[in-house]
């Protein structure tokens, strides 16, 4: 197992996970590890959390790791294939043709967390597309019995467009996928949201603009088709058999040339979609709405950010108490 110092500095390690090859060449994922949590009895933590990021994203939120370590969890984050630390020059950024392509690196990360590092309780924390992937993984095959609970931060449960445009966009993606899987679609995330959170623009957070660029990466036909298949699978009911916490902002805003202010709202997805489809994830789903929350709720301004962590603490202490 190749363990090196991580770009986040002291306390963080990076573990490269070889994932074989695909049509573009060698594939890797990267597991970021921060240990140091102490169980109430004084021994090493037996609880861990594994974080999955969203589209045009990677793990950089040190304060999230701090929160979990203070709560008594060892922290792990997975930069999925072709994202962040795992992106290689020969690869199309953020590109896959099926969301199940991510399952092998989740399987391997969970093996390390449980079998190598010896944790017996695992919380799977997914943000946005990572939330959708986490739910799909937990619902089938090896995912069952390995995750003890899920926390989904603004999960990508539907396309944030009016119904007619959702159907047209998904139809176009399906039509292009067989012959032109990497075709760029006329869709993407507005630059208003990343500008609102990066410290060089209007925000307070520092992240690598090569890995998470302000203008994002192109949305490819096969990728969107894969996301849509996953969303429709969830809509039929996943029957995840562990407690699930879904958090979303109380409102969304659609950035346009006339609507520039995206503060205090989800400027990426439609939060009403999350509220509508969250119950289809499993039989035990808690939905919490955060007033003033951004798309990545843990990057919200105060007091919303504190509310996120207070709600997560209360829920976690109830469902995953220290033994």
Protein backbone atom coordinates (compact mmCIF):
# COMPACT_ATOMS: atom_id res chain seq x y z
CA UNK A 1 0.00 0.00 0.00
CA UNK A 2 1.61 3.24 -1.21
CA UNK A 3 1.19 5.82 1.58
CA UNK A 4 2.56 9.34 1.12
CA UNK A 5 2.15 12.77 2.69
CA UNK A 6 -0.97 14.49 1.38
CA UNK A 7 -1.20 17.95 -0.16
CA UNK A 8 -3.26 19.11 2.85
CA UNK A 9 -0.17 18.91 5.03
CA UNK A 10 0.64 17.45 8.46
CA UNK A 11 -1.82 14.90 9.75
CA UNK A 12 -3.05 13.86 6.29
CA UNK A 13 -1.88 10.84 4.30
CA UNK A 14 -2.65 9.89 0.70
CA UNK A 15 -3.01 6.25 -0.34
CA UNK A 16 -2.99 5.56 -4.08
CA UNK A 17 -5.41 2.82 -5.09
CA UNK A 18 -4.58 1.22 -8.47
CA UNK A 19 -7.80 0.56 -10.38
CA UNK A 20 -6.44 -1.15 -13.47
CA UNK A 21 -7.02 0.35 -16.91
CA UNK A 22 -9.89 1.65 -18.99
CA UNK A 23 -10.10 2.91 -22.58
CA UNK A 24 -8.00 5.96 -21.66
CA UNK A 25 -5.23 4.05 -19.88
CA UNK A 26 -4.18 3.60 -16.27
CA UNK A 27 -6.76 4.45 -13.61
CA UNK A 28 -6.20 5.26 -9.94
CA UNK A 29 -8.23 6.53 -7.03
CA UNK A 30 -6.81 8.23 -3.94
CA UNK A 31 -7.78 7.62 -0.32
CA UNK A 32 -7.00 10.52 2.00
CA UNK A 33 -6.61 9.53 5.64
CA UNK A 34 -6.57 11.58 8.82
CA UNK A 35 -6.41 9.59 12.00
CA UNK A 36 -6.23 10.82 15.56
CA UNK A 37 -9.72 10.44 16.95
CA UNK A 38 -9.82 8.97 20.45
CA UNK A 39 -12.68 6.85 21.76
CA UNK A 40 -14.21 7.87 25.13
CA UNK A 41 -12.44 4.99 26.89
CA UNK A 42 -9.08 6.45 25.83
CA UNK A 43 -8.19 3.94 23.12
CA UNK A 44 -8.01 4.49 19.36
CA UNK A 45 -11.24 5.23 17.56
CA UNK A 46 -13.27 2.27 16.27
CA UNK A 47 -15.52 4.62 14.27
CA UNK A 48 -14.66 6.04 10.87
CA UNK A 49 -16.24 8.18 8.17
CA UNK A 50 -15.61 7.91 4.43
CA UNK A 51 -16.33 11.05 2.42
CA UNK A 52 -17.28 11.08 -1.30
CA UNK A 53 -17.13 14.41 -3.17
CA UNK A 54 -19.30 15.72 -6.00
CA UNK A 55 -18.82 16.67 -9.68
CA UNK A 56 -15.98 19.15 -10.42
CA UNK A 57 -14.78 18.56 -6.89
CA UNK A 58 -12.31 16.77 -4.61
CA UNK A 59 -11.65 16.64 -0.87
CA UNK A 60 -10.22 19.89 0.53
CA UNK A 61 -12.50 20.68 3.51
CA UNK A 62 -10.08 20.40 6.44
CA UNK A 63 -12.69 21.73 8.87
CA UNK A 64 -14.97 18.79 8.01
CA UNK A 65 -12.20 16.37 8.96
CA UNK A 66 -11.60 18.37 12.16
CA UNK A 67 -15.28 18.07 13.03
CA UNK A 68 -15.35 14.30 12.63
CA UNK A 69 -12.08 13.74 14.51
CA UNK A 70 -13.36 15.87 17.40
CA UNK A 71 -16.55 13.77 17.37
CA UNK A 72 -14.48 10.59 17.74
CA UNK A 73 -14.26 9.39 14.13
CA UNK A 74 -11.14 8.73 12.11
CA UNK A 75 -11.58 10.54 8.81
CA UNK A 76 -11.15 9.21 5.27
CA UNK A 77 -11.99 10.83 1.95
CA UNK A 78 -11.90 9.29 -1.50
CA UNK A 79 -10.87 11.29 -4.56
CA UNK A 80 -12.65 9.18 -7.17
CA UNK A 81 -11.02 8.20 -10.47
CA UNK A 82 -10.33 11.18 -12.76
CA UNK A 83 -10.98 13.71 -9.98
CA UNK A 84 -8.57 15.81 -7.94
CA UNK A 85 -5.58 13.84 -6.69
CA UNK A 86 -6.56 10.94 -8.97
CA UNK A 87 -6.75 12.90 -12.25
CA UNK A 88 -4.00 12.01 -14.71
CA UNK A 89 -2.92 13.95 -17.85
CA UNK A 90 -4.20 11.26 -20.23
CA UNK A 91 -7.72 11.30 -18.74
CA UNK A 92 -10.94 13.17 -19.49
CA UNK A 93 -11.67 14.98 -16.20
CA UNK A 94 -14.50 13.55 -14.10
CA UNK A 95 -15.56 11.12 -16.84
CA UNK A 96 -17.16 7.69 -16.42
CA UNK A 97 -19.78 5.82 -18.41
CA UNK A 98 -21.51 4.21 -15.41
CA UNK A 99 -21.72 5.27 -11.77
CA UNK A 100 -20.96 1.65 -10.85
CA UNK A 101 -17.45 2.27 -12.26
CA UNK A 102 -16.78 3.95 -8.91
CA UNK A 103 -17.78 0.92 -6.84
CA UNK A 104 -14.37 -0.84 -6.97
CA UNK A 105 -12.56 2.11 -5.38
CA UNK A 106 -15.26 2.43 -2.72
CA UNK A 107 -14.93 -1.30 -2.05
CA UNK A 108 -11.16 -0.97 -1.68
CA UNK A 109 -11.39 2.14 0.50
CA UNK A 110 -13.87 0.40 2.80
CA UNK A 111 -11.60 -2.67 2.96
CA UNK A 112 -8.74 -0.46 4.16
CA UNK A 113 -10.93 1.36 6.67
CA UNK A 114 -12.39 -1.82 8.12
CA UNK A 115 -9.91 -4.66 7.58
CA UNK A 116 -6.55 -2.87 7.51
CA UNK A 117 -7.18 -0.04 9.97
CA UNK A 118 -9.59 -2.02 12.16
CA UNK A 119 -12.70 0.15 12.35
CA UNK A 120 -15.98 -1.59 13.17
CA UNK A 121 -18.36 1.32 12.53
CA UNK A 122 -18.50 3.22 9.22
CA UNK A 123 -20.44 6.34 8.25
CA UNK A 124 -20.56 7.01 4.51
CA UNK A 125 -20.77 10.78 3.83
CA UNK A 126 -21.54 11.77 0.23
CA UNK A 127 -21.93 15.25 -1.25
CA UNK A 128 -23.93 16.02 -4.42
CA UNK A 129 -23.04 13.39 -7.06
CA UNK A 130 -21.11 11.63 -4.31
CA UNK A 131 -24.38 11.42 -2.39
CA UNK A 132 -26.09 9.65 -5.28
CA UNK A 133 -23.12 7.29 -5.71
CA UNK A 134 -23.03 6.54 -1.97
CA UNK A 135 -26.72 5.62 -1.92
CA UNK A 136 -26.42 3.37 -4.98
CA UNK A 137 -23.34 1.62 -3.58
CA UNK A 138 -24.93 1.08 -0.16
CA UNK A 139 -28.03 -0.41 -1.75
CA UNK A 140 -26.48 -3.34 -3.55
CA UNK A 141 -23.90 -6.07 -3.35
CA UNK A 142 -20.91 -5.43 -1.17
CA UNK A 143 -22.32 -2.16 0.14
CA UNK A 144 -24.87 -3.94 2.28
CA UNK A 145 -23.50 -4.66 5.72
CA UNK A 146 -20.40 -2.46 5.31
CA UNK A 147 -21.86 1.01 5.87
CA UNK A 148 -23.62 1.53 9.20
CA UNK A 149 -25.24 4.84 8.20
CA UNK A 150 -25.29 7.42 5.40
CA UNK A 151 -25.09 11.20 5.55
CA UNK A 152 -25.96 12.79 2.21
CA UNK A 153 -25.13 16.48 1.86
CA UNK A 154 -27.26 18.02 -0.96
CA UNK A 155 -27.40 14.77 -2.97
CA UNK A 156 -27.82 14.90 -6.76
CA UNK A 157 -31.22 13.16 -6.94
CA UNK A 158 -32.56 14.95 -10.02
CA UNK A 159 -31.45 17.33 -12.76
CA UNK A 160 -31.99 20.97 -11.81
CA UNK A 161 -34.00 21.95 -14.86
CA UNK A 162 -37.71 22.27 -15.67
CA UNK A 163 -39.36 18.98 -16.60
CA UNK A 164 -39.28 19.56 -20.37
CA UNK A 165 -35.59 20.46 -20.29
CA UNK A 166 -34.77 17.52 -17.99
CA UNK A 167 -36.33 15.12 -20.44
CA UNK A 168 -34.69 16.80 -23.44
CA UNK A 169 -31.24 16.84 -21.85
CA UNK A 170 -31.45 13.25 -20.69
CA UNK A 171 -32.75 12.19 -24.10
CA UNK A 172 -29.90 13.95 -25.88
CA UNK A 173 -27.36 12.29 -23.57
CA UNK A 174 -28.84 8.85 -24.23
CA UNK A 175 -28.87 9.42 -27.98
CA UNK A 176 -25.24 10.57 -28.12
CA UNK A 177 -23.85 8.03 -25.69
CA UNK A 178 -23.43 5.00 -28.02
CA UNK A 179 -21.44 6.77 -30.77
CA UNK A 180 -20.27 10.00 -29.15
CA UNK A 181 -19.96 9.24 -25.41
CA UNK A 182 -17.61 12.17 -24.74
CA UNK A 183 -19.70 14.73 -26.63
CA UNK A 184 -19.91 17.98 -24.68
CA UNK A 185 -23.45 18.92 -23.73
CA UNK A 186 -24.74 22.50 -23.47
CA UNK A 187 -24.99 22.18 -19.71
CA UNK A 188 -22.84 22.77 -16.69
CA UNK A 189 -22.51 24.50 -13.35
CA UNK A 190 -22.58 28.29 -13.30
CA UNK A 191 -19.35 29.97 -12.23
CA UNK A 192 -21.32 32.00 -9.68
CA UNK A 193 -21.25 29.23 -7.08
CA UNK A 194 -17.49 28.48 -7.15
CA UNK A 195 -16.79 32.23 -7.21
CA UNK A 196 -18.96 32.64 -4.14
CA UNK A 197 -16.89 30.16 -2.11
CA UNK A 198 -13.27 30.65 -3.30
CA UNK A 199 -11.20 33.06 -1.23
CA UNK A 200 -9.68 34.74 -4.31
CA UNK A 201 -13.18 35.82 -5.34
CA UNK A 202 -16.07 36.31 -2.90
CA UNK A 203 -15.67 33.37 -0.51
CA UNK A 204 -13.49 32.16 2.34
CA UNK A 205 -12.29 28.75 1.14
CA UNK A 206 -9.08 27.73 -0.57
CA UNK A 207 -9.09 24.94 -3.14
CA UNK A 208 -6.98 23.94 -6.13
CA UNK A 209 -8.37 25.65 -9.24
CA UNK A 210 -6.81 22.99 -11.47
CA UNK A 211 -8.83 20.30 -9.75
CA UNK A 212 -11.93 22.40 -9.08
CA UNK A 213 -11.88 25.15 -11.72
CA UNK A 214 -14.16 28.16 -11.52
CA UNK A 215 -15.54 27.42 -14.99
CA UNK A 216 -15.89 23.71 -14.20
CA UNK A 217 -15.38 20.82 -16.60
CA UNK A 218 -17.59 19.94 -19.59
CA UNK A 219 -20.62 17.74 -19.02
CA UNK A 220 -20.19 14.69 -21.27
CA UNK A 221 -23.03 12.72 -22.81
CA UNK A 222 -22.16 9.33 -21.28
CA UNK A 223 -21.59 10.86 -17.85
CA UNK A 224 -24.99 12.57 -17.79
CA UNK A 225 -26.66 9.43 -19.09
CA UNK A 226 -25.01 7.47 -16.27
CA UNK A 227 -26.19 9.97 -13.68
CA UNK A 228 -29.71 9.84 -15.05
CA UNK A 229 -29.77 6.04 -14.92
CA UNK A 230 -28.69 6.23 -11.29
CA UNK A 231 -31.35 8.79 -10.46
CA UNK A 232 -34.09 6.73 -12.07
CA UNK A 233 -32.84 3.64 -10.24
CA UNK A 234 -33.13 5.54 -6.95
CA UNK A 235 -36.59 6.82 -7.88
CA UNK A 236 -37.81 3.20 -8.01
CA UNK A 237 -36.60 2.70 -4.44
CA UNK A 238 -33.18 1.59 -3.21
CA UNK A 239 -34.19 0.01 0.11
CA UNK A 240 -30.96 1.05 1.85
CA UNK A 241 -31.14 -0.84 5.14
CA UNK A 242 -29.31 1.59 7.46
CA UNK A 243 -30.25 5.04 8.83
CA UNK A 244 -29.88 7.85 6.28
CA UNK A 245 -29.56 11.57 6.99
CA UNK A 246 -30.27 13.88 4.05
CA UNK A 247 -29.54 17.59 4.44
CA UNK A 248 -30.46 20.33 1.99
CA UNK A 249 -30.80 24.08 1.97
CA UNK A 250 -34.26 25.60 2.45
CA UNK A 251 -34.11 27.22 -0.99
CA UNK A 252 -32.45 27.11 -4.38
CA UNK A 253 -31.46 29.95 -6.68
CA UNK A 254 -30.83 29.71 -10.40
CA UNK A 255 -27.87 31.90 -11.39
CA UNK A 256 -28.51 33.98 -14.51
CA UNK A 257 -27.17 37.20 -15.97
CA UNK A 258 -29.79 39.01 -13.93
CA UNK A 259 -29.51 36.85 -10.81
CA UNK A 260 -25.97 37.23 -9.53
CA UNK A 261 -26.53 36.87 -5.79
CA UNK A 262 -26.29 33.19 -4.84
CA UNK A 263 -25.63 33.64 -1.13
CA UNK A 264 -27.62 31.62 1.35
CA UNK A 265 -29.06 29.16 -1.19
CA UNK A 266 -28.21 26.09 -3.28
CA UNK A 267 -27.06 27.53 -6.62
CA UNK A 268 -26.39 24.12 -8.21
CA UNK A 269 -29.34 21.78 -7.59
CA UNK A 270 -33.04 22.04 -6.80
CA UNK A 271 -33.51 21.37 -3.08
CA UNK A 272 -37.16 20.42 -3.59
CA UNK A 273 -35.99 17.50 -5.71
CA UNK A 274 -33.93 16.30 -2.75
CA UNK A 275 -36.90 16.57 -0.40
CA UNK A 276 -39.13 14.76 -2.87
CA UNK A 277 -36.88 11.80 -3.68
CA UNK A 278 -35.00 11.30 -0.39
CA UNK A 279 -37.64 8.90 1.02
CA UNK A 280 -36.93 6.52 -1.89
CA UNK A 281 -33.42 5.86 -0.57
CA UNK A 282 -34.49 3.66 2.31
CA UNK A 283 -36.97 2.94 5.06
CA UNK A 284 -35.29 5.11 7.69
CA UNK A 285 -34.55 8.54 6.21
CA UNK A 286 -34.25 11.80 8.15
CA UNK A 287 -34.52 15.05 6.17
CA UNK A 288 -33.08 18.26 7.61
CA UNK A 289 -33.37 21.64 5.89
CA UNK A 290 -30.73 24.30 6.56
CA UNK A 291 -31.78 27.93 6.31
CA UNK A 292 -29.05 29.85 4.49
CA UNK A 293 -27.26 26.69 3.35
CA UNK A 294 -25.10 26.60 0.22
CA UNK A 295 -24.89 23.63 -2.15
CA UNK A 296 -22.02 22.17 -0.12
CA UNK A 297 -23.62 22.77 3.23
CA UNK A 298 -20.37 22.56 5.20
CA UNK A 299 -19.07 25.58 3.21
CA UNK A 300 -22.07 27.73 4.18
CA UNK A 301 -21.69 31.04 5.96
CA UNK A 302 -22.53 31.24 9.65
CA UNK A 303 -24.88 30.53 11.32
CA UNK A 304 -25.91 27.91 8.74
CA UNK A 305 -22.58 26.07 8.98
CA UNK A 306 -22.89 25.67 12.73
CA UNK A 307 -26.44 24.40 12.32
CA UNK A 308 -25.20 21.74 9.87
CA UNK A 309 -22.66 20.43 12.37
CA UNK A 310 -25.09 20.61 15.29
CA UNK A 311 -27.70 18.59 13.40
CA UNK A 312 -25.08 16.08 12.24
CA UNK A 313 -23.74 15.72 15.80
CA UNK A 314 -27.22 15.10 17.20
CA UNK A 315 -28.07 12.52 14.53
CA UNK A 316 -24.70 10.77 14.71
CA UNK A 317 -24.77 10.51 18.50
CA UNK A 318 -28.21 8.96 18.22
CA UNK A 319 -27.48 6.37 15.52
CA UNK A 320 -23.72 5.77 15.77
CA UNK A 321 -22.83 6.29 19.44
CA UNK A 322 -19.34 5.50 20.67
CA UNK A 323 -19.23 2.02 22.14
